[in-house]
């Protein structure tokens, strides 16, 4: 049996149309926007700066927490918890390169001094907010999204493409908040979504990609949003672009060797032969 063949039980108990997934993704973003707007007076976030515990509580923790509950409630209703804990489609071992690069960048890029200046409680709250983003978005787009697309017979290439594109497109909603960078962000987020998709497959679950997503956002926020407007951005946050470039180049070069070799496939001929 081809190692890439899986039974329908690997995809959960109930079906979800692709349109249904798109609707759920829109609702997920809408929850964040609506709850965030309801909390906006208390959040009092100016120019995207996150400088106080109230900024975090009302601007991040409450709206992101509400969205996270929505995602995992849907997973429970669909009977898709297996899709969170197990990915039935392995990839080749070299793909571990991607999460390793992310881990190194996160460790090197965090603004440790800036976080120390904000204090331990602030830092713990920011970690919590980042985890809500990581597990919320990965639950919606890599667990629900990937599974929905697979159930409808799309090839893994199309599953990776469309789950990542939809992931990027929903971020255009940031235009509503007056963020003129939303279109460019949507393109960048699509690339990130593809990398998180590969991390899901190589780690065989939706857990590691969720933690890496959280860590990556934590690194970026620590170097940008917690910096006062009159201060220079922390240079470590620039590692995010380097991660995209390095991972993008490696994936492009090795794109034909992501999937496991089929049984009976001829072994590569040594260059010296």
Protein backbone atom coordinates (compact mmCIF):
# COMPACT_ATOMS: atom_id res chain seq x y z
CA UNK A 1 0.00 0.00 0.00
CA UNK A 2 1.28 3.48 -0.92
CA UNK A 3 2.40 5.24 2.27
CA UNK A 4 0.46 8.28 1.09
CA UNK A 5 -2.85 6.44 0.94
CA UNK A 6 -5.06 6.89 3.97
CA UNK A 7 -8.47 5.71 5.02
CA UNK A 8 -11.38 8.10 5.42
CA UNK A 9 -11.17 7.63 9.19
CA UNK A 10 -7.91 9.62 9.15
CA UNK A 11 -9.91 12.68 8.11
CA UNK A 12 -12.51 12.78 10.87
CA UNK A 13 -16.11 11.72 11.31
CA UNK A 14 -18.08 14.45 9.50
CA UNK A 15 -17.56 16.07 6.09
CA UNK A 16 -17.02 19.78 5.55
CA UNK A 17 -17.46 21.37 2.09
CA UNK A 18 -14.61 23.55 0.89
CA UNK A 19 -17.02 26.47 0.85
CA UNK A 20 -17.82 25.60 4.45
CA UNK A 21 -14.15 25.87 5.34
CA UNK A 22 -13.92 29.29 3.67
CA UNK A 23 -17.00 30.47 5.57
CA UNK A 24 -15.52 29.22 8.85
CA UNK A 25 -12.25 31.02 8.10
CA UNK A 26 -14.15 34.27 7.49
CA UNK A 27 -16.13 33.78 10.71
CA UNK A 28 -12.87 33.15 12.60
CA UNK A 29 -11.44 36.46 11.41
CA UNK A 30 -14.76 38.21 12.00
CA UNK A 31 -14.78 37.08 15.63
CA UNK A 32 -11.34 38.59 16.16
CA UNK A 33 -12.38 41.84 14.46
CA UNK A 34 -15.78 42.19 16.15
CA UNK A 35 -14.63 41.26 19.65
CA UNK A 36 -11.53 43.39 19.16
CA UNK A 37 -13.70 46.35 18.19
CA UNK A 38 -15.91 45.85 21.23
CA UNK A 39 -12.79 45.91 23.39
CA UNK A 40 -11.04 48.69 21.49
CA UNK A 41 -11.74 51.44 24.03
CA UNK A 42 -10.20 49.37 26.83
CA UNK A 43 -7.37 48.13 24.60
CA UNK A 44 -6.35 51.68 23.66
CA UNK A 45 -3.78 50.49 21.12
CA UNK A 46 -2.18 53.35 19.18
CA UNK A 47 -0.21 52.82 15.95
CA UNK A 48 -0.03 49.07 16.58
CA UNK A 49 2.10 49.50 19.70
CA UNK A 50 1.57 46.97 22.49
CA UNK A 51 3.09 48.60 25.54
CA UNK A 52 0.82 47.77 28.50
CA UNK A 53 -0.95 44.79 30.01
CA UNK A 54 -4.30 46.36 29.10
CA UNK A 55 -3.15 46.55 25.48
CA UNK A 56 -2.53 42.81 25.61
CA UNK A 57 -5.64 41.84 27.56
CA UNK A 58 -8.23 43.73 25.53
CA UNK A 59 -6.43 43.96 22.23
CA UNK A 60 -5.18 40.37 22.03
CA UNK A 61 -6.11 37.90 24.74
CA UNK A 62 -9.89 38.41 24.73
CA UNK A 63 -10.54 38.52 20.94
CA UNK A 64 -7.97 35.81 20.15
CA UNK A 65 -9.26 33.65 23.01
CA UNK A 66 -12.82 33.90 21.66
CA UNK A 67 -11.60 32.89 18.19
CA UNK A 68 -9.60 29.97 19.58
CA UNK A 69 -12.68 28.62 21.37
CA UNK A 70 -14.59 28.84 18.08
CA UNK A 71 -11.93 26.88 16.18
CA UNK A 72 -11.69 23.98 18.61
CA UNK A 73 -15.45 23.90 19.09
CA UNK A 74 -15.77 23.37 15.33
CA UNK A 75 -13.09 20.66 15.44
CA UNK A 76 -15.02 18.95 18.24
CA UNK A 77 -18.36 19.18 16.40
CA UNK A 78 -16.80 17.77 13.24
CA UNK A 79 -15.10 14.99 15.18
CA UNK A 80 -11.77 16.08 13.69
CA UNK A 81 -9.50 15.95 16.75
CA UNK A 82 -7.50 13.20 15.03
CA UNK A 83 -6.54 15.76 12.37
CA UNK A 84 -4.98 17.90 15.12
CA UNK A 85 -3.03 15.06 16.68
CA UNK A 86 -2.07 13.11 13.55
CA UNK A 87 -1.20 13.86 9.92
CA UNK A 88 -1.42 10.70 7.81
CA UNK A 89 0.80 11.98 4.98
CA UNK A 90 4.54 11.90 5.71
CA UNK A 91 7.25 13.75 3.81
CA UNK A 92 10.96 13.12 3.45
CA UNK A 93 13.28 13.73 6.38
CA UNK A 94 15.06 16.70 4.84
CA UNK A 95 11.90 18.78 5.45
CA UNK A 96 12.95 18.91 9.14
CA UNK A 97 15.28 21.65 7.89
CA UNK A 98 12.31 24.07 7.92
CA UNK A 99 11.30 23.80 11.60
CA UNK A 100 14.99 23.82 12.59
CA UNK A 101 15.48 27.14 10.77
CA UNK A 102 12.38 28.55 12.48
CA UNK A 103 13.57 27.47 15.93
CA UNK A 104 17.03 29.01 15.41
CA UNK A 105 15.53 32.27 14.13
CA UNK A 106 13.07 32.50 17.01
CA UNK A 107 15.78 31.90 19.61
CA UNK A 108 18.12 34.43 17.98
CA UNK A 109 15.54 37.06 17.09
CA UNK A 110 13.59 37.57 20.33
CA UNK A 111 14.08 41.00 21.88
CA UNK A 112 15.05 39.73 25.32
CA UNK A 113 16.06 43.13 26.69
CA UNK A 114 12.86 44.76 25.52
CA UNK A 115 10.80 42.05 27.18
CA UNK A 116 12.82 42.37 30.39
CA UNK A 117 12.08 46.08 30.40
CA UNK A 118 8.34 45.35 30.14
CA UNK A 119 8.42 42.87 33.01
CA UNK A 120 7.61 39.24 33.66
CA UNK A 121 3.82 39.55 33.74
CA UNK A 122 3.76 41.41 30.43
CA UNK A 123 6.05 38.80 28.86
CA UNK A 124 3.91 35.89 30.06
CA UNK A 125 0.79 37.58 28.73
CA UNK A 126 2.48 38.14 25.37
CA UNK A 127 3.47 34.48 25.25
CA UNK A 128 -0.16 33.58 25.94
CA UNK A 129 -1.41 35.89 23.17
CA UNK A 130 1.11 34.38 20.74
CA UNK A 131 -0.03 30.86 21.61
CA UNK A 132 -3.64 31.87 20.95
CA UNK A 133 -2.61 33.06 17.49
CA UNK A 134 -0.51 29.98 16.76
CA UNK A 135 -3.01 27.36 17.86
CA UNK A 136 -5.99 29.34 16.55
CA UNK A 137 -4.70 29.95 13.04
CA UNK A 138 -3.03 26.57 12.68
CA UNK A 139 -6.19 24.89 13.96
CA UNK A 140 -8.29 26.73 11.40
CA UNK A 141 -6.04 26.65 8.35
CA UNK A 142 -3.80 23.60 8.80
CA UNK A 143 -6.11 21.26 10.73
CA UNK A 144 -9.57 22.21 9.43
CA UNK A 145 -8.45 23.68 6.10
CA UNK A 146 -6.02 20.98 5.04
CA UNK A 147 -8.41 18.22 6.10
CA UNK A 148 -11.36 19.74 4.26
CA UNK A 149 -9.35 20.09 1.05
CA UNK A 150 -8.00 16.54 1.32
CA UNK A 151 -11.45 15.07 1.83
CA UNK A 152 -12.47 16.51 -1.52
CA UNK A 153 -9.72 14.69 -3.37
CA UNK A 154 -7.28 17.51 -4.04
CA UNK A 155 -3.66 16.54 -4.60
CA UNK A 156 -1.25 17.50 -1.83
CA UNK A 157 0.20 20.20 -4.05
CA UNK A 158 -3.21 21.82 -4.38
CA UNK A 159 -3.97 21.28 -0.69
CA UNK A 160 -0.76 23.12 0.19
CA UNK A 161 -1.44 25.88 -2.34
CA UNK A 162 -5.07 26.64 -1.54
CA UNK A 163 -4.84 26.29 2.23
CA UNK A 164 -1.94 28.77 2.13
CA UNK A 165 -3.64 31.15 -0.30
CA UNK A 166 -6.84 31.25 1.75
CA UNK A 167 -4.71 31.77 4.87
CA UNK A 168 -3.14 34.79 3.20
CA UNK A 169 -6.34 36.20 1.74
CA UNK A 170 -8.17 36.40 5.06
CA UNK A 171 -5.38 38.66 6.34
CA UNK A 172 -6.44 41.27 3.78
CA UNK A 173 -9.17 41.98 6.34
CA UNK A 174 -6.54 44.04 8.18
CA UNK A 175 -7.36 46.80 5.68
CA UNK A 176 -10.53 47.27 7.73
CA UNK A 177 -8.36 48.38 10.61
CA UNK A 178 -6.64 50.93 8.40
CA UNK A 179 -3.48 48.88 7.80
CA UNK A 180 -2.31 49.81 4.30
CA UNK A 181 0.25 46.99 4.42
CA UNK A 182 -2.48 44.33 4.45
CA UNK A 183 -2.05 43.28 0.81
CA UNK A 184 1.69 42.76 1.15
CA UNK A 185 1.13 41.00 4.45
CA UNK A 186 -1.32 38.63 2.77
CA UNK A 187 1.35 37.55 0.27
CA UNK A 188 3.97 37.03 2.98
CA UNK A 189 1.50 35.15 5.18
CA UNK A 190 0.71 32.79 2.29
CA UNK A 191 4.38 31.80 2.13
CA UNK A 192 4.45 31.32 5.89
CA UNK A 193 1.34 29.15 5.62
CA UNK A 194 3.10 26.85 3.18
CA UNK A 195 6.05 26.44 5.52
CA UNK A 196 3.74 25.68 8.45
CA UNK A 197 1.95 23.13 6.24
CA UNK A 198 5.26 21.36 5.65
CA UNK A 199 6.07 21.45 9.37
CA UNK A 200 2.70 19.82 10.06
CA UNK A 201 3.49 17.02 7.65
CA UNK A 202 7.07 16.36 8.72
CA UNK A 203 6.12 16.36 12.41
CA UNK A 204 3.00 14.25 11.65
CA UNK A 205 0.63 16.42 13.71
CA UNK A 206 -0.69 19.97 14.04
CA UNK A 207 1.18 20.65 17.28
CA UNK A 208 4.72 21.65 16.32
CA UNK A 209 3.58 24.04 13.58
CA UNK A 210 1.23 25.68 16.11
CA UNK A 211 4.07 26.25 18.57
CA UNK A 212 6.40 27.51 15.83
CA UNK A 213 3.71 29.86 14.53
CA UNK A 214 3.27 31.21 18.06
CA UNK A 215 7.02 31.54 18.59
CA UNK A 216 7.54 33.30 15.27
CA UNK A 217 4.81 35.85 16.02
CA UNK A 218 6.22 36.32 19.52
CA UNK A 219 9.65 37.05 18.06
CA UNK A 220 8.29 39.57 15.56
CA UNK A 221 6.08 41.36 18.10
CA UNK A 222 8.92 41.52 20.62
CA UNK A 223 11.03 43.36 18.08
CA UNK A 224 8.39 45.69 16.67
CA UNK A 225 5.12 46.21 18.56
CA UNK A 226 6.55 46.50 22.08
CA UNK A 227 9.01 49.16 20.98
CA UNK A 228 7.95 52.71 21.76
CA UNK A 229 7.41 54.89 18.70
CA UNK A 230 10.47 57.01 19.42
CA UNK A 231 12.73 53.94 19.67
CA UNK A 232 14.46 52.02 16.89
CA UNK A 233 13.01 48.64 15.97
CA UNK A 234 14.94 45.66 17.30
CA UNK A 235 17.12 44.32 14.43
CA UNK A 236 16.47 40.69 15.36
CA UNK A 237 12.95 40.93 13.97
CA UNK A 238 14.52 41.19 10.52
CA UNK A 239 15.34 37.50 10.77
CA UNK A 240 11.74 36.81 9.72
CA UNK A 241 12.55 37.89 6.16
CA UNK A 242 15.74 35.81 6.17
CA UNK A 243 13.75 32.74 7.28
CA UNK A 244 11.34 33.15 4.37
CA UNK A 245 14.20 33.56 1.91
CA UNK A 246 16.25 30.59 3.15
CA UNK A 247 13.28 28.22 3.48
CA UNK A 248 11.83 29.41 0.16
CA UNK A 249 15.07 28.76 -1.73
CA UNK A 250 15.57 25.32 -0.18
CA UNK A 251 11.96 24.26 -0.82
CA UNK A 252 12.12 25.49 -4.41
CA UNK A 253 15.35 23.59 -5.11
CA UNK A 254 14.08 20.39 -3.46
CA UNK A 255 10.39 20.71 -4.40
CA UNK A 256 10.44 17.45 -6.37
CA UNK A 257 11.70 15.47 -3.37
CA UNK A 258 9.16 16.50 -0.74
CA UNK A 259 6.87 13.50 -1.14
CA UNK A 260 8.11 10.02 -0.09
CA UNK A 261 9.37 7.82 -2.89
CA UNK A 262 6.75 5.37 -4.15
CA UNK A 263 7.41 1.68 -3.44
CA UNK A 264 9.36 0.19 -6.27
CA UNK A 265 10.70 3.51 -7.51
CA UNK A 266 14.25 3.25 -8.88
CA UNK A 267 17.00 4.56 -6.63
CA UNK A 268 18.87 7.65 -7.81
CA UNK A 269 21.89 6.81 -9.95
CA UNK A 270 25.17 7.95 -8.34
CA UNK A 271 26.78 10.86 -10.14
CA UNK A 272 29.96 8.82 -10.65
CA UNK A 273 28.13 6.01 -12.46
